[in-house]
Protein backbone atom coordinates (compact mmCIF):
# COMPACT_ATOMS: atom_id res chain seq x y z
CA MET A 1 124.66 115.96 -79.07
CA ARG A 2 126.09 113.35 -76.63
CA ARG A 3 125.06 109.77 -77.33
CA SER A 4 124.05 107.48 -74.38
CA ASP A 5 126.08 104.41 -73.59
CA PRO A 6 124.01 101.27 -74.46
CA ARG A 7 125.80 99.32 -71.70
CA ARG A 8 123.95 101.40 -69.12
CA GLY A 9 120.67 99.94 -70.30
CA VAL A 10 122.01 96.42 -69.99
CA VAL A 11 123.21 97.11 -66.45
CA LEU A 12 119.84 98.61 -65.51
CA VAL A 13 117.94 95.59 -66.83
CA THR A 14 120.31 93.26 -65.00
CA VAL A 15 119.81 95.14 -61.74
CA LEU A 16 116.02 95.06 -62.13
CA TRP A 17 116.03 91.33 -62.85
CA THR A 18 118.27 90.73 -59.84
CA ILE A 19 115.92 92.70 -57.59
CA SER A 20 112.94 90.74 -58.93
CA LEU A 21 114.72 87.45 -58.37
CA LEU A 22 115.70 88.35 -54.82
CA SER A 23 112.14 89.46 -54.11
CA ALA A 24 110.78 86.15 -55.40
CA LEU A 25 113.28 84.20 -53.32
CA ALA A 26 112.37 86.21 -50.24
CA MET A 27 108.67 85.48 -50.78
CA ALA A 28 109.37 81.77 -51.29
CA ALA A 29 111.49 81.67 -48.14
CA SER A 30 108.74 83.41 -46.21
CA VAL A 31 106.15 80.87 -47.36
CA THR A 32 108.54 78.00 -46.56
CA PHE A 33 109.23 79.31 -43.06
CA ARG A 34 105.52 79.81 -42.40
CA GLY A 35 104.82 76.27 -43.57
CA TYR A 36 107.64 74.91 -41.42
CA ALA A 37 106.34 76.82 -38.42
CA GLY A 38 102.87 75.38 -39.04
CA VAL A 39 104.24 71.84 -39.25
CA MET A 40 106.19 72.35 -36.03
CA ALA A 41 103.07 73.66 -34.27
CA VAL A 42 101.06 70.60 -35.33
CA GLU A 43 103.87 68.27 -34.25
CA ARG A 44 104.11 70.05 -30.89
CA ASP A 45 100.35 69.66 -30.36
CA ARG A 46 100.53 65.98 -31.30
CA VAL A 47 103.33 65.27 -28.82
CA GLN A 48 101.58 67.19 -26.03
CA GLY A 49 98.29 65.44 -26.81
CA GLU A 50 99.94 62.00 -26.61
CA ALA A 51 101.56 62.97 -23.32
CA LEU A 52 98.14 63.92 -21.92
CA LEU A 53 96.66 60.61 -23.09
CA THR A 54 99.47 58.75 -21.32
CA ALA A 55 98.80 60.75 -18.15
CA GLY A 56 95.13 59.78 -18.36
CA LEU A 57 96.01 56.12 -18.85
CA GLU A 58 98.32 56.10 -15.83
CA THR A 59 95.64 57.79 -13.74
CA ALA A 60 93.16 55.12 -14.83
CA ALA A 61 95.58 52.36 -13.82
CA GLY A 62 96.01 54.03 -10.43
CA ILE A 63 92.24 54.04 -9.93
CA ILE A 64 91.99 50.33 -10.74
CA GLY A 65 94.83 49.53 -8.36
CA THR A 66 93.12 51.26 -5.43
CA LEU A 67 89.57 49.94 -6.00
CA GLY A 68 90.05 46.60 -4.29
CA GLU A 69 86.72 44.77 -4.37
CA ALA A 70 84.71 47.87 -5.33
CA PRO A 71 82.95 47.66 -8.71
CA LEU A 72 84.31 49.51 -11.73
CA ALA A 73 81.44 50.74 -13.89
CA ASP A 74 81.37 54.05 -15.76
CA VAL A 75 84.02 55.62 -13.53
CA GLU A 76 85.10 58.97 -14.94
CA THR A 77 88.00 61.23 -13.97
CA THR A 78 89.65 64.38 -15.36
CA VAL A 79 93.30 65.34 -15.03
CA ASN A 80 94.29 68.98 -15.49
CA LEU A 81 97.89 69.77 -16.43
CA GLY A 82 99.74 72.83 -17.63
CA THR A 83 99.32 71.91 -21.31
CA GLY A 84 95.65 70.96 -21.12
CA ALA A 85 93.26 68.40 -19.66
CA VAL A 86 92.53 64.72 -20.23
CA ARG A 87 89.33 62.86 -19.39
CA ALA A 88 89.26 59.12 -18.80
CA ARG A 89 86.22 56.84 -18.55
CA LEU A 90 86.75 53.33 -17.18
CA ASN A 91 84.66 50.19 -17.43
CA ASP A 92 85.31 46.65 -16.19
CA GLU A 93 85.78 44.16 -19.02
CA GLY A 94 84.80 41.44 -16.55
CA GLY A 95 81.23 42.72 -16.70
CA ARG A 96 80.91 41.60 -20.31
CA ILE A 97 80.46 38.22 -21.94
CA ASP A 98 83.78 36.77 -23.10
CA VAL A 99 83.20 35.12 -26.48
CA GLY A 100 86.40 33.13 -26.04
CA LYS A 101 85.45 31.61 -22.66
CA ALA A 102 81.69 31.85 -22.05
CA PRO A 103 79.75 28.55 -22.08
CA VAL A 104 77.63 27.76 -25.09
CA GLU A 105 74.35 28.35 -23.22
CA LEU A 106 75.38 31.91 -22.40
CA LEU A 107 76.41 32.56 -26.00
CA VAL A 108 73.06 31.26 -27.24
CA ALA A 109 71.15 33.51 -24.83
CA MET A 110 73.24 36.51 -25.83
CA LEU A 111 72.65 35.91 -29.55
CA ARG A 112 68.92 35.47 -28.92
CA SER A 113 68.87 38.78 -27.00
CA ILE A 114 70.16 40.68 -30.05
CA GLY A 115 67.55 39.18 -32.35
CA ALA A 116 69.13 36.04 -33.76
CA PRO A 117 66.57 33.25 -34.47
CA LYS A 118 66.68 30.34 -32.04
CA ALA A 119 68.09 27.77 -34.46
CA ALA A 120 70.67 30.19 -35.87
CA ALA A 121 71.74 31.30 -32.38
CA SER A 122 72.31 27.71 -31.28
CA ASP A 123 74.23 26.86 -34.43
CA VAL A 124 76.49 29.95 -34.32
CA ALA A 125 77.16 29.55 -30.57
CA ARG A 126 78.14 25.92 -31.12
CA ARG A 127 80.49 26.93 -33.93
CA ILE A 128 82.13 29.59 -31.74
CA VAL A 129 82.82 27.03 -29.01
CA GLU A 130 84.12 24.51 -31.54
CA ARG A 131 86.42 27.14 -33.02
CA ARG A 132 88.03 27.91 -29.67
CA ASP A 133 88.05 24.33 -28.34
CA PRO A 134 87.10 21.59 -30.82
CA GLY A 135 84.55 19.21 -29.36
CA GLN A 136 83.64 21.39 -26.36
CA THR A 137 79.95 22.22 -26.73
CA THR A 138 78.40 22.09 -23.27
CA ARG A 139 79.16 23.15 -19.72
CA SER A 140 78.74 19.56 -18.53
CA GLU A 141 81.42 18.45 -20.96
CA THR A 142 83.68 21.26 -19.74
CA ARG A 143 83.26 20.10 -16.14
CA ARG A 144 83.84 16.48 -17.11
CA ARG A 145 87.03 17.30 -19.02
CA SER A 146 88.27 19.35 -16.06
CA ALA A 147 87.50 16.52 -13.63
CA ASN A 148 89.42 14.09 -15.81
CA GLY A 149 92.40 16.46 -15.77
CA ALA A 150 92.37 16.91 -19.53
CA ALA A 151 94.73 19.68 -20.56
CA LYS A 152 93.56 22.23 -23.09
CA ALA A 153 95.63 22.77 -26.20
CA ALA A 154 97.84 25.86 -26.23
CA GLY A 155 95.74 28.91 -27.02
CA ALA A 156 92.43 27.07 -26.70
CA GLY A 157 89.76 28.86 -24.73
CA GLN A 158 90.82 32.29 -25.96
CA PRO A 159 91.42 32.18 -29.71
CA PHE A 160 89.95 35.61 -30.39
CA SER A 161 91.88 38.86 -29.99
CA ASP A 162 89.06 41.00 -31.37
CA ILE A 163 85.29 40.59 -31.46
CA ARG A 164 85.35 41.30 -35.21
CA GLN A 165 87.09 37.97 -35.77
CA LEU A 166 83.70 36.34 -35.26
CA GLN A 167 82.91 37.41 -38.83
CA SER A 168 84.65 34.23 -39.93
CA ILE A 169 82.18 32.04 -38.02
CA PRO A 170 79.77 30.39 -40.50
CA GLY A 171 76.25 31.75 -40.07
CA MET A 172 77.34 34.90 -38.21
CA MET A 173 75.63 38.04 -39.52
CA PRO A 174 77.43 41.44 -39.64
CA ASP A 175 74.57 43.20 -37.82
CA TRP A 176 74.78 40.65 -35.01
CA ILE A 177 78.45 41.49 -34.46
CA ALA A 178 77.59 45.20 -34.31
CA ALA A 179 74.86 44.50 -31.74
CA MET A 180 77.17 42.20 -29.73
CA ALA A 181 80.01 44.73 -29.50
CA PRO A 182 78.81 46.56 -26.33
CA LEU A 183 77.94 43.25 -24.63
CA THR A 184 81.04 41.20 -25.31
CA THR A 185 84.78 41.14 -24.76
CA VAL A 186 87.82 38.98 -25.36
CA PHE A 187 89.43 39.92 -22.03
CA GLY A 188 86.93 38.49 -19.52
CA SER A 189 86.33 35.06 -18.03
CA GLU A 190 83.79 32.22 -18.11
CA THR A 191 81.48 34.20 -15.84
CA VAL A 192 80.15 37.78 -15.76
CA ASN A 193 80.54 40.22 -12.88
CA PRO A 194 76.94 41.26 -12.00
CA LEU A 195 78.15 44.40 -10.18
CA THR A 196 79.65 45.89 -13.34
CA ALA A 197 77.68 44.28 -16.17
CA PRO A 198 75.91 46.73 -18.49
CA PRO A 199 72.09 46.43 -18.58
CA GLY A 200 72.27 44.74 -21.99
CA VAL A 201 74.47 41.99 -20.58
CA ILE A 202 72.08 41.34 -17.68
CA ALA A 203 69.21 41.15 -20.17
CA ALA A 204 71.20 38.64 -22.24
CA LEU A 205 71.67 36.14 -19.38
CA PRO A 206 69.83 32.81 -19.66
CA GLY A 207 66.52 32.94 -17.78
CA ALA A 208 66.72 36.70 -17.15
CA ASP A 209 63.26 37.84 -18.19
CA ARG A 210 62.31 41.49 -18.46
CA GLU A 211 60.75 41.70 -15.01
CA ARG A 212 63.79 40.22 -13.31
CA VAL A 213 66.17 42.47 -15.21
CA GLU A 214 64.30 45.66 -14.32
CA ALA A 215 64.11 44.66 -10.66
CA PHE A 216 67.80 43.76 -10.67
CA LEU A 217 68.84 47.11 -12.15
CA ARG A 218 66.72 49.03 -9.63
CA SER A 219 68.21 47.09 -6.77
CA ARG A 220 71.76 47.52 -8.06
CA ARG A 221 71.32 51.28 -8.10
CA SER A 222 70.21 51.16 -4.46
CA PHE A 223 72.56 48.41 -3.22
CA PRO A 224 75.55 48.42 -5.61
CA LEU A 225 77.76 46.29 -3.34
CA ASP A 226 75.23 43.69 -2.15
CA ALA A 227 76.33 40.90 -4.49
CA ASP A 228 74.38 38.09 -2.79
CA ARG A 229 71.13 40.03 -2.93
CA LEU A 230 71.64 40.94 -6.58
CA VAL A 231 72.55 37.44 -7.72
CA ARG A 232 69.50 35.96 -6.01
CA MET A 233 67.29 38.31 -8.02
CA ILE A 234 68.30 36.59 -11.24
CA GLU A 235 68.53 33.09 -9.84
CA PRO A 236 68.24 31.22 -13.18
CA ALA A 237 71.51 32.86 -14.28
CA GLN A 238 73.49 32.37 -11.06
CA GLN A 239 75.88 29.83 -12.57
CA TYR A 240 77.01 32.41 -15.13
CA LEU A 241 77.79 35.10 -12.53
CA ALA A 242 80.74 35.71 -10.24
CA VAL A 243 81.89 38.80 -8.37
CA LYS A 244 85.60 39.42 -8.82
CA PRO A 245 88.00 42.35 -8.45
CA PRO A 246 88.39 44.44 -11.60
CA ARG A 247 91.66 43.58 -13.32
CA VAL A 248 91.07 44.37 -16.98
CA ALA A 249 89.39 47.63 -17.96
CA SER A 250 88.54 49.52 -21.10
CA VAL A 251 89.58 53.18 -20.92
CA ASP A 252 88.17 55.86 -23.21
CA LEU A 253 90.50 58.87 -23.28
CA MET A 254 90.07 62.42 -24.60
CA ALA A 255 92.80 65.06 -24.24
CA LYS A 256 92.29 68.73 -25.11
CA LEU A 257 95.05 71.32 -25.31
CA ALA A 258 94.62 75.04 -24.67
CA SER A 259 95.06 75.56 -28.44
CA GLY A 260 91.90 73.55 -29.10
CA TYR A 261 93.74 70.47 -30.36
CA VAL A 262 92.01 67.22 -29.37
CA ALA A 263 93.54 63.74 -29.14
CA MET A 264 91.46 60.64 -28.41
CA ALA A 265 92.17 56.96 -27.89
CA ARG A 266 90.61 53.79 -26.54
CA ALA A 267 92.72 51.37 -24.55
CA VAL A 268 92.33 48.11 -22.69
CA ILE A 269 94.69 47.71 -19.75
CA VAL A 270 95.32 45.06 -17.11
CA VAL A 271 96.47 45.72 -13.55
CA LEU A 272 97.74 42.63 -11.77
CA PRO A 273 98.85 42.31 -8.15
CA GLN A 274 102.60 41.89 -7.65
CA ASP A 275 103.27 42.49 -11.34
CA SER A 276 106.65 43.94 -12.33
CA GLN A 277 104.79 46.67 -14.24
CA PRO A 278 102.16 49.02 -12.73
CA TYR A 279 99.89 48.17 -15.66
CA ARG A 280 100.05 46.60 -19.09
CA VAL A 281 98.39 47.84 -22.26
CA LEU A 282 96.53 45.07 -24.09
CA VAL A 283 94.94 47.27 -26.77
CA TRP A 284 95.69 50.83 -27.86
CA THR A 285 93.45 52.33 -30.54
CA PRO A 286 94.13 56.01 -31.30
CA VAL A 287 91.50 58.22 -32.91
CA PRO A 288 92.95 60.70 -35.43
CA SER A 289 93.59 64.12 -33.86
CA SER A 290 91.61 67.18 -34.93
CA ARG A 291 91.61 70.88 -34.21
CA LEU A 292 88.36 72.29 -32.91
CA LEU A 293 87.21 75.50 -34.55
């Protein structure tokens, strides 16, 4: 009887192990390639989403540049491109109360409107003014200093770059800052634009009682460009109001790709006449992207 060669068994085992190893490597490579393809798809969506957001921002700047004296309040536009669509909502920052420039009386009235007690509102408003310009506590003092030609220190009058920085003001409560957020800005001026001010800002003006505010809002809906008429309706607050062209605007952006990928951001931009740039971005706050299911 012929005996089998034991080397054949060794060769067979080696071949089987080699086949198993190659199979495992092929599976690993397949998983790696699929993962790489997935990463590339996400990166592609991110880049296209950012491009759409930029397109929306440039469209918003174009709208501001062509408005002239027309008010900018809750203006919304949608841009459709080959990769998807982007929606932009614009609002005039000049219609809000600037915590870095508003007079102390306006700050007190605003704090009172969100529920701060009278004594606490006066104290916190005074501290805000002292923080931005030590010693400046009243409008009359502001006018007197201006008349005397006193120069403000560098950076005084606008020390805040974010409303949340008011947390460092002694006596300021966290819930007050949350309530102030939709009413205030750090990119406005000493006065408020009555044509673009949100209802909460109108209600926060000194001397603007409920009856006057409701009448004002009704009239603004009917006569949105009649500034003189509107200002007369809240006469006690006239000194805190001024109609001016929109220059600084907040822009809420949402881009959506055909794949369902969504990119969102909030920006604050300024458009200045005869500037070397068509617009400048003061704040850019992206919201993490997500894929809609």
